[in-house]
């Protein structure tokens, strides 16, 4: 497996692990939303992406070409044109502090299972990968399993990167909503090393649960069903062996949305914008759709 490609994919894989809150009312089955009113001279558009689906999927999104061509700039979570710099930053942030080791973080059975899992999926074990943070290994395993389960669906170029590339071809500005440092913190630094190791051990001990979540996520996104996406990540099962805390959910989704909602109005006021971010950022009472509505914008599904 191309390790450099794995790192590139991780930079846009983060939102697939995000969680959202239940929306106040069911939303239309749409991934594309028109933003107007509140002083905007021209509408902007908000697209919910799935960072790993094939690029051909955008052909099934009604109005996508017209929306993109009608805008003057493209906005994403990160500026994907800086991929080499981003790769270096994430590799630096991926390293575990020297005082930690998997021999002490995990019991012997989990240590051996992790080593076996990494060798089977990535072709490298803890001898090569043992200095990486547990959160990094969790994401590597999740990404590699996704590519294994859906070999015909994992796109080489993400939807996010595609629209940034198309904007550049048209000499349009590309803006980012957060820095690499902010996204790397959410991905790798927001939990203690001990908590990361706990979640990693739980993941490798429950591979069927991870597969079920991926299947449901894939189906919901392909159906452009925001409510189903939201329900999947909102659910709290009484027998969940790997529960996520509300604080952890907020770091991945709500807190980032709050920051973005402070930035987006000025961006949209300056230029009509095509905003492409992970679909889980759209949904829920703390999502971008409701946040923009509360800010006075009209946000309606494009069909």
C-alpha atoms as a PDB file:
ATOM      1  CA  UNK A   1       0.000   0.000   0.000  1.00  0.00           C
ATOM      2  CA  UNK A   2       1.189   3.524  -0.830  1.00  0.00           C
ATOM      3  CA  UNK A   3       1.819   5.042   2.616  1.00  0.00           C
ATOM      4  CA  UNK A   4       1.952   8.583   1.225  1.00  0.00           C
ATOM      5  CA  UNK A   5      -1.521   8.088  -0.262  1.00  0.00           C
ATOM      6  CA  UNK A   6      -2.785   6.919   3.132  1.00  0.00           C
ATOM      7  CA  UNK A   7      -1.571  10.126   4.759  1.00  0.00           C
ATOM      8  CA  UNK A   8      -3.187  12.227   2.035  1.00  0.00           C
ATOM      9  CA  UNK A   9      -6.487  10.438   2.495  1.00  0.00           C
ATOM     10  CA  UNK A  10      -6.338  10.836   6.269  1.00  0.00           C
ATOM     11  CA  UNK A  11      -6.397  14.605   5.888  1.00  0.00           C
ATOM     12  CA  UNK A  12      -9.900  14.418   4.474  1.00  0.00           C
ATOM     13  CA  UNK A  13     -11.006  11.281   6.346  1.00  0.00           C
ATOM     14  CA  UNK A  14     -11.519  13.099   9.612  1.00  0.00           C
ATOM     15  CA  UNK A  15     -15.158  14.045   9.134  1.00  0.00           C
ATOM     16  CA  UNK A  16     -16.232  10.459   8.640  1.00  0.00           C
ATOM     17  CA  UNK A  17     -15.538   9.973  12.326  1.00  0.00           C
ATOM     18  CA  UNK A  18     -17.510  13.029  13.381  1.00  0.00           C
ATOM     19  CA  UNK A  19     -20.766  12.960  15.291  1.00  0.00           C
ATOM     20  CA  UNK A  20     -23.796  15.220  15.096  1.00  0.00           C
ATOM     21  CA  UNK A  21     -26.915  16.031  17.051  1.00  0.00           C
ATOM     22  CA  UNK A  22     -30.507  15.205  16.161  1.00  0.00           C
ATOM     23  CA  UNK A  23     -32.104  17.771  13.864  1.00  0.00           C
ATOM     24  CA  UNK A  24     -35.165  19.579  15.089  1.00  0.00           C
ATOM     25  CA  UNK A  25     -37.097  18.441  12.026  1.00  0.00           C
ATOM     26  CA  UNK A  26     -36.424  16.010   9.154  1.00  0.00           C
ATOM     27  CA  UNK A  27     -34.577  17.584   6.239  1.00  0.00           C
ATOM     28  CA  UNK A  28     -34.997  16.854   2.552  1.00  0.00           C
ATOM     29  CA  UNK A  29     -32.897  14.171   0.946  1.00  0.00           C
ATOM     30  CA  UNK A  30     -30.312  16.483  -0.526  1.00  0.00           C
ATOM     31  CA  UNK A  31     -26.580  17.041  -0.209  1.00  0.00           C
ATOM     32  CA  UNK A  32     -26.649  20.442  -1.933  1.00  0.00           C
ATOM     33  CA  UNK A  33     -28.152  23.548  -0.314  1.00  0.00           C
ATOM     34  CA  UNK A  34     -28.661  27.074  -1.591  1.00  0.00           C
ATOM     35  CA  UNK A  35     -27.845  29.936   0.789  1.00  0.00           C
ATOM     36  CA  UNK A  36     -29.471  33.305   0.120  1.00  0.00           C
ATOM     37  CA  UNK A  37     -30.870  36.393   1.841  1.00  0.00           C
ATOM     38  CA  UNK A  38     -29.423  38.252   4.809  1.00  0.00           C
ATOM     39  CA  UNK A  39     -27.793  40.832   2.570  1.00  0.00           C
ATOM     40  CA  UNK A  40     -26.172  38.461   0.082  1.00  0.00           C
ATOM     41  CA  UNK A  41     -26.157  39.896  -3.440  1.00  0.00           C
ATOM     42  CA  UNK A  42     -25.667  36.438  -4.936  1.00  0.00           C
ATOM     43  CA  UNK A  43     -26.495  33.021  -3.456  1.00  0.00           C
ATOM     44  CA  UNK A  44     -23.840  30.644  -2.202  1.00  0.00           C
ATOM     45  CA  UNK A  45     -24.083  26.853  -2.096  1.00  0.00           C
ATOM     46  CA  UNK A  46     -23.284  24.281   0.579  1.00  0.00           C
ATOM     47  CA  UNK A  47     -22.350  20.728  -0.420  1.00  0.00           C
ATOM     48  CA  UNK A  48     -22.056  17.815   1.996  1.00  0.00           C
ATOM     49  CA  UNK A  49     -19.250  15.522   0.895  1.00  0.00           C
ATOM     50  CA  UNK A  50     -18.137  11.991   1.702  1.00  0.00           C
ATOM     51  CA  UNK A  51     -14.399  12.219   1.356  1.00  0.00           C
ATOM     52  CA  UNK A  52     -13.882   8.704   0.002  1.00  0.00           C
ATOM     53  CA  UNK A  53     -16.677   8.097  -2.518  1.00  0.00           C
ATOM     54  CA  UNK A  54     -15.870   7.991  -6.239  1.00  0.00           C
ATOM     55  CA  UNK A  55     -15.911  11.249  -8.109  1.00  0.00           C
ATOM     56  CA  UNK A  56     -18.599   9.929 -10.455  1.00  0.00           C
ATOM     57  CA  UNK A  57     -21.092  10.170  -7.587  1.00  0.00           C
ATOM     58  CA  UNK A  58     -21.439  13.921  -8.102  1.00  0.00           C
ATOM     59  CA  UNK A  59     -23.373  13.207 -11.307  1.00  0.00           C
ATOM     60  CA  UNK A  60     -26.262  12.058  -9.105  1.00  0.00           C
ATOM     61  CA  UNK A  61     -26.446  15.353  -7.165  1.00  0.00           C
ATOM     62  CA  UNK A  62     -29.134  17.509  -8.747  1.00  0.00           C
ATOM     63  CA  UNK A  63     -28.035  21.014  -9.726  1.00  0.00           C
ATOM     64  CA  UNK A  64     -24.396  20.529  -8.782  1.00  0.00           C
ATOM     65  CA  UNK A  65     -22.850  21.800 -12.025  1.00  0.00           C
ATOM     66  CA  UNK A  66     -25.071  24.871 -12.185  1.00  0.00           C
ATOM     67  CA  UNK A  67     -24.358  25.710  -8.546  1.00  0.00           C
ATOM     68  CA  UNK A  68     -20.616  25.430  -8.981  1.00  0.00           C
ATOM     69  CA  UNK A  69     -20.532  27.504 -12.165  1.00  0.00           C
ATOM     70  CA  UNK A  70     -22.646  30.225 -10.543  1.00  0.00           C
ATOM     71  CA  UNK A  71     -20.129  30.858  -7.755  1.00  0.00           C
ATOM     72  CA  UNK A  72     -16.970  32.947  -7.605  1.00  0.00           C
ATOM     73  CA  UNK A  73     -14.850  31.000  -5.116  1.00  0.00           C
ATOM     74  CA  UNK A  74     -14.605  27.562  -3.527  1.00  0.00           C
ATOM     75  CA  UNK A  75     -14.329  26.962   0.216  1.00  0.00           C
ATOM     76  CA  UNK A  76     -13.213  23.699   1.831  1.00  0.00           C
ATOM     77  CA  UNK A  77     -12.130  22.423   5.199  1.00  0.00           C
ATOM     78  CA  UNK A  78      -8.483  22.589   4.053  1.00  0.00           C
ATOM     79  CA  UNK A  79      -6.651  23.988   1.044  1.00  0.00           C
ATOM     80  CA  UNK A  80      -5.827  20.755  -0.763  1.00  0.00           C
ATOM     81  CA  UNK A  81      -3.261  22.449  -3.013  1.00  0.00           C
ATOM     82  CA  UNK A  82      -0.891  22.426  -0.031  1.00  0.00           C
ATOM     83  CA  UNK A  83      -0.893  18.635   0.248  1.00  0.00           C
ATOM     84  CA  UNK A  84       2.885  18.181   0.516  1.00  0.00           C
ATOM     85  CA  UNK A  85       3.035  20.650   3.390  1.00  0.00           C
ATOM     86  CA  UNK A  86      -0.007  19.032   5.019  1.00  0.00           C
ATOM     87  CA  UNK A  87       1.557  15.578   4.767  1.00  0.00           C
ATOM     88  CA  UNK A  88       4.669  16.761   6.582  1.00  0.00           C
ATOM     89  CA  UNK A  89       2.589  18.387   9.314  1.00  0.00           C
ATOM     90  CA  UNK A  90       0.395  15.376   9.923  1.00  0.00           C
ATOM     91  CA  UNK A  91       3.395  13.040  10.068  1.00  0.00           C
ATOM     92  CA  UNK A  92       4.971  15.292  12.673  1.00  0.00           C
ATOM     93  CA  UNK A  93       1.763  15.389  14.697  1.00  0.00           C
ATOM     94  CA  UNK A  94       1.279  11.635  14.356  1.00  0.00           C
ATOM     95  CA  UNK A  95       4.273  10.725  16.521  1.00  0.00           C
ATOM     96  CA  UNK A  96       3.598   9.507  20.052  1.00  0.00           C
ATOM     97  CA  UNK A  97       5.396  11.150  22.983  1.00  0.00           C
ATOM     98  CA  UNK A  98       8.556   9.256  23.880  1.00  0.00           C
ATOM     99  CA  UNK A  99       7.325   8.272  27.352  1.00  0.00           C
ATOM    100  CA  UNK A 100       4.550   6.088  25.899  1.00  0.00           C
ATOM    101  CA  UNK A 101       4.725   2.665  24.282  1.00  0.00           C
ATOM    102  CA  UNK A 102       2.141   0.114  23.185  1.00  0.00           C
ATOM    103  CA  UNK A 103       3.701  -2.449  25.497  1.00  0.00           C
ATOM    104  CA  UNK A 104       2.492  -0.374  28.460  1.00  0.00           C
ATOM    105  CA  UNK A 105      -0.651   1.124  26.891  1.00  0.00           C
ATOM    106  CA  UNK A 106      -2.161  -2.249  25.907  1.00  0.00           C
ATOM    107  CA  UNK A 107      -2.429  -5.653  27.520  1.00  0.00           C
ATOM    108  CA  UNK A 108      -0.524  -8.478  25.844  1.00  0.00           C
ATOM    109  CA  UNK A 109      -3.544  -9.846  23.950  1.00  0.00           C
ATOM    110  CA  UNK A 110      -4.470  -6.446  22.495  1.00  0.00           C
ATOM    111  CA  UNK A 111      -0.824  -5.715  21.672  1.00  0.00           C
ATOM    112  CA  UNK A 112      -0.562  -8.930  19.659  1.00  0.00           C
ATOM    113  CA  UNK A 113      -3.941  -8.360  17.984  1.00  0.00           C
ATOM    114  CA  UNK A 114      -2.961  -4.827  16.969  1.00  0.00           C
ATOM    115  CA  UNK A 115       0.345  -6.018  15.535  1.00  0.00           C
ATOM    116  CA  UNK A 116      -1.438  -8.763  13.577  1.00  0.00           C
ATOM    117  CA  UNK A 117      -4.135  -6.375  12.310  1.00  0.00           C
ATOM    118  CA  UNK A 118      -1.607  -3.830  11.083  1.00  0.00           C
ATOM    119  CA  UNK A 119       0.479  -6.465   9.299  1.00  0.00           C
ATOM    120  CA  UNK A 120      -2.593  -7.939   7.577  1.00  0.00           C
ATOM    121  CA  UNK A 121      -4.050  -4.590   6.481  1.00  0.00           C
ATOM    122  CA  UNK A 122      -1.050  -2.330   5.916  1.00  0.00           C
ATOM    123  CA  UNK A 123       1.849  -4.722   5.566  1.00  0.00           C
ATOM    124  CA  UNK A 124       3.706  -3.184   8.512  1.00  0.00           C
ATOM    125  CA  UNK A 125       3.481  -4.062  12.185  1.00  0.00           C
ATOM    126  CA  UNK A 126       4.276  -2.307  15.431  1.00  0.00           C
ATOM    127  CA  UNK A 127       8.002  -2.641  14.749  1.00  0.00           C
ATOM    128  CA  UNK A 128       7.510  -0.048  11.986  1.00  0.00           C
ATOM    129  CA  UNK A 129       4.409   1.802  13.185  1.00  0.00           C
ATOM    130  CA  UNK A 130       4.757   1.576  16.953  1.00  0.00           C
ATOM    131  CA  UNK A 131       5.804   5.209  17.426  1.00  0.00           C
ATOM    132  CA  UNK A 132       2.568   6.516  15.945  1.00  0.00           C
ATOM    133  CA  UNK A 133      -0.193   7.777  18.190  1.00  0.00           C
ATOM    134  CA  UNK A 134      -3.090   5.348  18.753  1.00  0.00           C
ATOM    135  CA  UNK A 135      -5.487   7.793  17.072  1.00  0.00           C
ATOM    136  CA  UNK A 136      -3.306   7.702  13.966  1.00  0.00           C
ATOM    137  CA  UNK A 137      -3.378   3.918  13.891  1.00  0.00           C
ATOM    138  CA  UNK A 138      -7.160   3.936  14.427  1.00  0.00           C
ATOM    139  CA  UNK A 139      -7.603   6.152  11.398  1.00  0.00           C
ATOM    140  CA  UNK A 140      -5.138   4.140   9.316  1.00  0.00           C
ATOM    141  CA  UNK A 141      -7.057   0.958  10.108  1.00  0.00           C
ATOM    142  CA  UNK A 142     -10.443   2.564   9.385  1.00  0.00           C
ATOM    143  CA  UNK A 143      -9.284   4.016   6.086  1.00  0.00           C
ATOM    144  CA  UNK A 144      -7.621   0.789   4.961  1.00  0.00           C
ATOM    145  CA  UNK A 145     -10.699  -1.256   5.847  1.00  0.00           C
ATOM    146  CA  UNK A 146     -12.878   1.156   3.908  1.00  0.00           C
ATOM    147  CA  UNK A 147     -10.715   0.695   0.841  1.00  0.00           C
ATOM    148  CA  UNK A 148     -10.845  -3.081   1.375  1.00  0.00           C
ATOM    149  CA  UNK A 149     -14.621  -3.251   1.802  1.00  0.00           C
ATOM    150  CA  UNK A 150     -15.379  -0.870  -1.075  1.00  0.00           C
ATOM    151  CA  UNK A 151     -12.561  -1.324  -3.622  1.00  0.00           C
ATOM    152  CA  UNK A 152     -14.738   0.037  -6.436  1.00  0.00           C
ATOM    153  CA  UNK A 153     -16.046   2.987  -4.443  1.00  0.00           C
ATOM    154  CA  UNK A 154     -12.951   4.473  -2.841  1.00  0.00           C
ATOM    155  CA  UNK A 155     -12.055   7.337  -5.158  1.00  0.00           C
ATOM    156  CA  UNK A 156      -8.470   8.321  -5.897  1.00  0.00           C
ATOM    157  CA  UNK A 157      -9.507  11.988  -5.907  1.00  0.00           C
ATOM    158  CA  UNK A 158     -11.971  13.229  -3.309  1.00  0.00           C
ATOM    159  CA  UNK A 159     -14.995  15.343  -4.177  1.00  0.00           C
ATOM    160  CA  UNK A 160     -13.477  18.071  -2.023  1.00  0.00           C
ATOM    161  CA  UNK A 161     -10.241  18.141  -3.991  1.00  0.00           C
ATOM    162  CA  UNK A 162     -12.082  17.936  -7.315  1.00  0.00           C
ATOM    163  CA  UNK A 163     -13.984  21.168  -6.756  1.00  0.00           C
ATOM    164  CA  UNK A 164     -10.890  22.943  -5.482  1.00  0.00           C
ATOM    165  CA  UNK A 165      -9.007  21.807  -8.581  1.00  0.00           C
ATOM    166  CA  UNK A 166     -11.840  22.983 -10.830  1.00  0.00           C
ATOM    167  CA  UNK A 167     -11.869  26.374  -9.105  1.00  0.00           C
ATOM    168  CA  UNK A 168      -8.144  26.738  -9.689  1.00  0.00           C
ATOM    169  CA  UNK A 169      -8.584  25.890 -13.381  1.00  0.00           C
ATOM    170  CA  UNK A 170     -11.096  28.743 -13.580  1.00  0.00           C
ATOM    171  CA  UNK A 171      -8.733  31.132 -11.740  1.00  0.00           C
ATOM    172  CA  UNK A 172     -11.130  31.317  -8.790  1.00  0.00           C
ATOM    173  CA  UNK A 173      -9.888  31.692  -5.216  1.00  0.00           C
ATOM    174  CA  UNK A 174      -9.821  28.629  -2.952  1.00  0.00           C
ATOM    175  CA  UNK A 175     -10.342  29.343   0.739  1.00  0.00           C
ATOM    176  CA  UNK A 176     -10.033  27.047   3.760  1.00  0.00           C
ATOM    177  CA  UNK A 177     -12.114  27.042   6.935  1.00  0.00           C
ATOM    178  CA  UNK A 178      -9.385  25.793   9.224  1.00  0.00           C
ATOM    179  CA  UNK A 179      -5.659  25.314   9.398  1.00  0.00           C
ATOM    180  CA  UNK A 180      -3.840  22.009   9.204  1.00  0.00           C
ATOM    181  CA  UNK A 181      -2.918  22.426  12.871  1.00  0.00           C
ATOM    182  CA  UNK A 182      -6.583  22.728  13.851  1.00  0.00           C
ATOM    183  CA  UNK A 183      -7.603  19.654  11.891  1.00  0.00           C
ATOM    184  CA  UNK A 184      -4.636  17.630  13.113  1.00  0.00           C
ATOM    185  CA  UNK A 185      -5.564  18.520  16.706  1.00  0.00           C
ATOM    186  CA  UNK A 186      -9.102  17.216  16.185  1.00  0.00           C
ATOM    187  CA  UNK A 187      -7.763  14.095  14.475  1.00  0.00           C
ATOM    188  CA  UNK A 188      -4.802  13.253  16.679  1.00  0.00           C
ATOM    189  CA  UNK A 189      -4.477  15.517  19.690  1.00  0.00           C
ATOM    190  CA  UNK A 190      -7.837  16.130  21.341  1.00  0.00           C
ATOM    191  CA  UNK A 191      -7.798  12.921  23.426  1.00  0.00           C
ATOM    192  CA  UNK A 192      -5.224  11.701  25.896  1.00  0.00           C
ATOM    193  CA  UNK A 193      -2.890   8.973  24.665  1.00  0.00           C
ATOM    194  CA  UNK A 194      -4.490   6.591  27.154  1.00  0.00           C
ATOM    195  CA  UNK A 195      -7.982   7.303  25.785  1.00  0.00           C
ATOM    196  CA  UNK A 196      -6.747   6.903  22.222  1.00  0.00           C
ATOM    197  CA  UNK A 197      -5.282   3.515  23.110  1.00  0.00           C
ATOM    198  CA  UNK A 198      -8.541   2.458  24.767  1.00  0.00           C
ATOM    199  CA  UNK A 199     -10.545   3.318  21.636  1.00  0.00           C
ATOM    200  CA  UNK A 200      -7.979   1.644  19.368  1.00  0.00           C
ATOM    201  CA  UNK A 201      -8.128  -1.581  21.370  1.00  0.00           C
ATOM    202  CA  UNK A 202     -11.921  -1.508  21.249  1.00  0.00           C
ATOM    203  CA  UNK A 203     -11.898  -1.025  17.476  1.00  0.00           C
ATOM    204  CA  UNK A 204      -9.661  -3.989  16.706  1.00  0.00           C
ATOM    205  CA  UNK A 205     -11.652  -6.210  19.057  1.00  0.00           C
ATOM    206  CA  UNK A 206     -14.966  -5.337  17.341  1.00  0.00           C
ATOM    207  CA  UNK A 207     -14.312  -5.292  13.579  1.00  0.00           C
ATOM    208  CA  UNK A 208     -17.900  -6.327  12.763  1.00  0.00           C
ATOM    209  CA  UNK A 209     -19.224  -3.216  14.478  1.00  0.00           C
ATOM    210  CA  UNK A 210     -16.943  -1.007  12.384  1.00  0.00           C
ATOM    211  CA  UNK A 211     -18.041  -2.777   9.183  1.00  0.00           C
ATOM    212  CA  UNK A 212     -21.708  -2.276  10.086  1.00  0.00           C
ATOM    213  CA  UNK A 213     -21.156   1.453  10.662  1.00  0.00           C
ATOM    214  CA  UNK A 214     -19.347   1.796   7.347  1.00  0.00           C
ATOM    215  CA  UNK A 215     -22.133  -0.031   5.490  1.00  0.00           C
ATOM    216  CA  UNK A 216     -24.807   2.187   7.004  1.00  0.00           C
ATOM    217  CA  UNK A 217     -22.786   5.330   6.342  1.00  0.00           C
ATOM    218  CA  UNK A 218     -22.253   4.325   2.734  1.00  0.00           C
ATOM    219  CA  UNK A 219     -25.937   3.582   2.166  1.00  0.00           C
ATOM    220  CA  UNK A 220     -27.117   6.795   3.802  1.00  0.00           C
ATOM    221  CA  UNK A 221     -24.737   8.967   1.813  1.00  0.00           C
ATOM    222  CA  UNK A 222     -25.475   7.283  -1.501  1.00  0.00           C
ATOM    223  CA  UNK A 223     -29.178   7.896  -0.807  1.00  0.00           C
ATOM    224  CA  UNK A 224     -28.336  11.534   0.004  1.00  0.00           C
ATOM    225  CA  UNK A 225     -30.223  10.998   3.262  1.00  0.00           C
ATOM    226  CA  UNK A 226     -28.970  13.524   5.804  1.00  0.00           C
ATOM    227  CA  UNK A 227     -31.390  12.322   8.458  1.00  0.00           C
ATOM    228  CA  UNK A 228     -30.095   8.747   8.198  1.00  0.00           C
ATOM    229  CA  UNK A 229     -26.511  10.040   8.409  1.00  0.00           C
ATOM    230  CA  UNK A 230     -27.397  12.023  11.480  1.00  0.00           C
ATOM    231  CA  UNK A 231     -29.270   9.139  13.112  1.00  0.00           C
ATOM    232  CA  UNK A 232     -26.311   6.826  12.602  1.00  0.00           C
ATOM    233  CA  UNK A 233     -23.941   9.074  14.507  1.00  0.00           C
ATOM    234  CA  UNK A 234     -26.456  10.264  17.073  1.00  0.00           C
ATOM    235  CA  UNK A 235     -27.477   6.810  18.258  1.00  0.00           C
ATOM    236  CA  UNK A 236     -26.253   5.697  21.653  1.00  0.00           C
ATOM    237  CA  UNK A 237     -26.678   1.956  22.015  1.00  0.00           C
ATOM    238  CA  UNK A 238     -26.872   0.594  25.572  1.00  0.00           C
ATOM    239  CA  UNK A 239     -24.559  -2.276  24.623  1.00  0.00           C
ATOM    240  CA  UNK A 240     -22.081  -0.168  22.626  1.00  0.00           C
ATOM    241  CA  UNK A 241     -18.623  -1.493  23.575  1.00  0.00           C
ATOM    242  CA  UNK A 242     -16.901   1.670  22.302  1.00  0.00           C
ATOM    243  CA  UNK A 243     -19.034   4.657  23.361  1.00  0.00           C
ATOM    244  CA  UNK A 244     -17.922   8.186  22.455  1.00  0.00           C
ATOM    245  CA  UNK A 245     -18.367  10.990  24.974  1.00  0.00           C
ATOM    246  CA  UNK A 246     -20.287  14.170  24.157  1.00  0.00           C
ATOM    247  CA  UNK A 247     -17.098  16.184  24.559  1.00  0.00           C
ATOM    248  CA  UNK A 248     -15.359  14.006  21.973  1.00  0.00           C
ATOM    249  CA  UNK A 249     -18.280  14.449  19.588  1.00  0.00           C
ATOM    250  CA  UNK A 250     -18.203  18.207  20.049  1.00  0.00           C
ATOM    251  CA  UNK A 251     -14.490  18.427  19.245  1.00  0.00           C
ATOM    252  CA  UNK A 252     -15.048  16.659  15.949  1.00  0.00           C
ATOM    253  CA  UNK A 253     -18.175  18.465  14.844  1.00  0.00           C
ATOM    254  CA  UNK A 254     -19.967  21.113  16.915  1.00  0.00           C
ATOM    255  CA  UNK A 255     -16.919  23.149  17.946  1.00  0.00           C
ATOM    256  CA  UNK A 256     -15.624  23.283  14.404  1.00  0.00           C
ATOM    257  CA  UNK A 257     -19.048  24.321  13.089  1.00  0.00           C
ATOM    258  CA  UNK A 258     -19.182  27.175  15.589  1.00  0.00           C
ATOM    259  CA  UNK A 259     -15.863  28.516  14.296  1.00  0.00           C
ATOM    260  CA  UNK A 260     -16.882  28.117  10.674  1.00  0.00           C
ATOM    261  CA  UNK A 261     -20.174  29.934  11.211  1.00  0.00           C
ATOM    262  CA  UNK A 262     -18.207  32.953  12.366  1.00  0.00           C
ATOM    263  CA  UNK A 263     -16.091  32.899   9.206  1.00  0.00           C
ATOM    264  CA  UNK A 264     -18.548  31.959   6.476  1.00  0.00           C
ATOM    265  CA  UNK A 265     -20.734  35.115   6.493  1.00  0.00           C
ATOM    266  CA  UNK A 266     -17.804  37.368   5.579  1.00  0.00           C
ATOM    267  CA  UNK A 267     -16.593  34.953   2.926  1.00  0.00           C
ATOM    268  CA  UNK A 268     -20.027  34.706   1.307  1.00  0.00           C
ATOM    269  CA  UNK A 269     -20.521  38.455   1.485  1.00  0.00           C
ATOM    270  CA  UNK A 270     -17.259  39.053  -0.342  1.00  0.00           C
ATOM    271  CA  UNK A 271     -17.828  36.437  -3.078  1.00  0.00           C
ATOM    272  CA  UNK A 272     -20.556  33.951  -3.889  1.00  0.00           C
ATOM    273  CA  UNK A 273     -19.143  30.707  -2.573  1.00  0.00           C
ATOM    274  CA  UNK A 274     -19.260  26.991  -3.276  1.00  0.00           C
ATOM    275  CA  UNK A 275     -18.709  25.439   0.163  1.00  0.00           C
ATOM    276  CA  UNK A 276     -17.777  21.741   0.204  1.00  0.00           C
ATOM    277  CA  UNK A 277     -17.355  20.113   3.623  1.00  0.00           C
ATOM    278  CA  UNK A 278     -18.024  16.707   5.174  1.00  0.00           C
ATOM    279  CA  UNK A 279     -21.735  15.934   5.154  1.00  0.00           C
ATOM    280  CA  UNK A 280     -21.977  15.442   8.916  1.00  0.00           C
ATOM    281  CA  UNK A 281     -21.183  19.120   9.356  1.00  0.00           C
ATOM    282  CA  UNK A 282     -24.491  19.994   7.697  1.00  0.00           C
ATOM    283  CA  UNK A 283     -26.932  18.186   9.960  1.00  0.00           C
ATOM    284  CA  UNK A 284     -28.369  18.656  13.423  1.00  0.00           C
ATOM    285  CA  UNK A 285     -29.234  21.615  15.591  1.00  0.00           C
ATOM    286  CA  UNK A 286     -25.522  22.451  15.763  1.00  0.00           C
ATOM    287  CA  UNK A 287     -24.954  21.863  12.048  1.00  0.00           C
ATOM    288  CA  UNK A 288     -24.249  24.412   9.354  1.00  0.00           C
ATOM    289  CA  UNK A 289     -27.747  24.337   7.870  1.00  0.00           C
ATOM    290  CA  UNK A 290     -29.444  25.298  11.128  1.00  0.00           C
ATOM    291  CA  UNK A 291     -26.589  27.598  12.090  1.00  0.00           C
ATOM    292  CA  UNK A 292     -26.889  29.594   8.881  1.00  0.00           C
ATOM    293  CA  UNK A 293     -30.657  29.786   9.284  1.00  0.00           C
ATOM    294  CA  UNK A 294     -30.286  31.108  12.815  1.00  0.00           C
ATOM    295  CA  UNK A 295     -27.890  33.717  11.431  1.00  0.00           C
ATOM    296  CA  UNK A 296     -30.669  34.982   9.158  1.00  0.00           C
ATOM    297  CA  UNK A 297     -29.978  33.176   5.884  1.00  0.00           C
ATOM    298  CA  UNK A 298     -32.456  31.248   3.803  1.00  0.00           C
ATOM    299  CA  UNK A 299     -31.101  27.733   3.356  1.00  0.00           C
ATOM    300  CA  UNK A 300     -33.024  25.459   1.028  1.00  0.00           C
ATOM    301  CA  UNK A 301     -32.367  22.107  -0.600  1.00  0.00           C
ATOM    302  CA  UNK A 302     -31.454  22.080  -4.283  1.00  0.00           C
ATOM    303  CA  UNK A 303     -33.435  19.433  -6.201  1.00  0.00           C
END
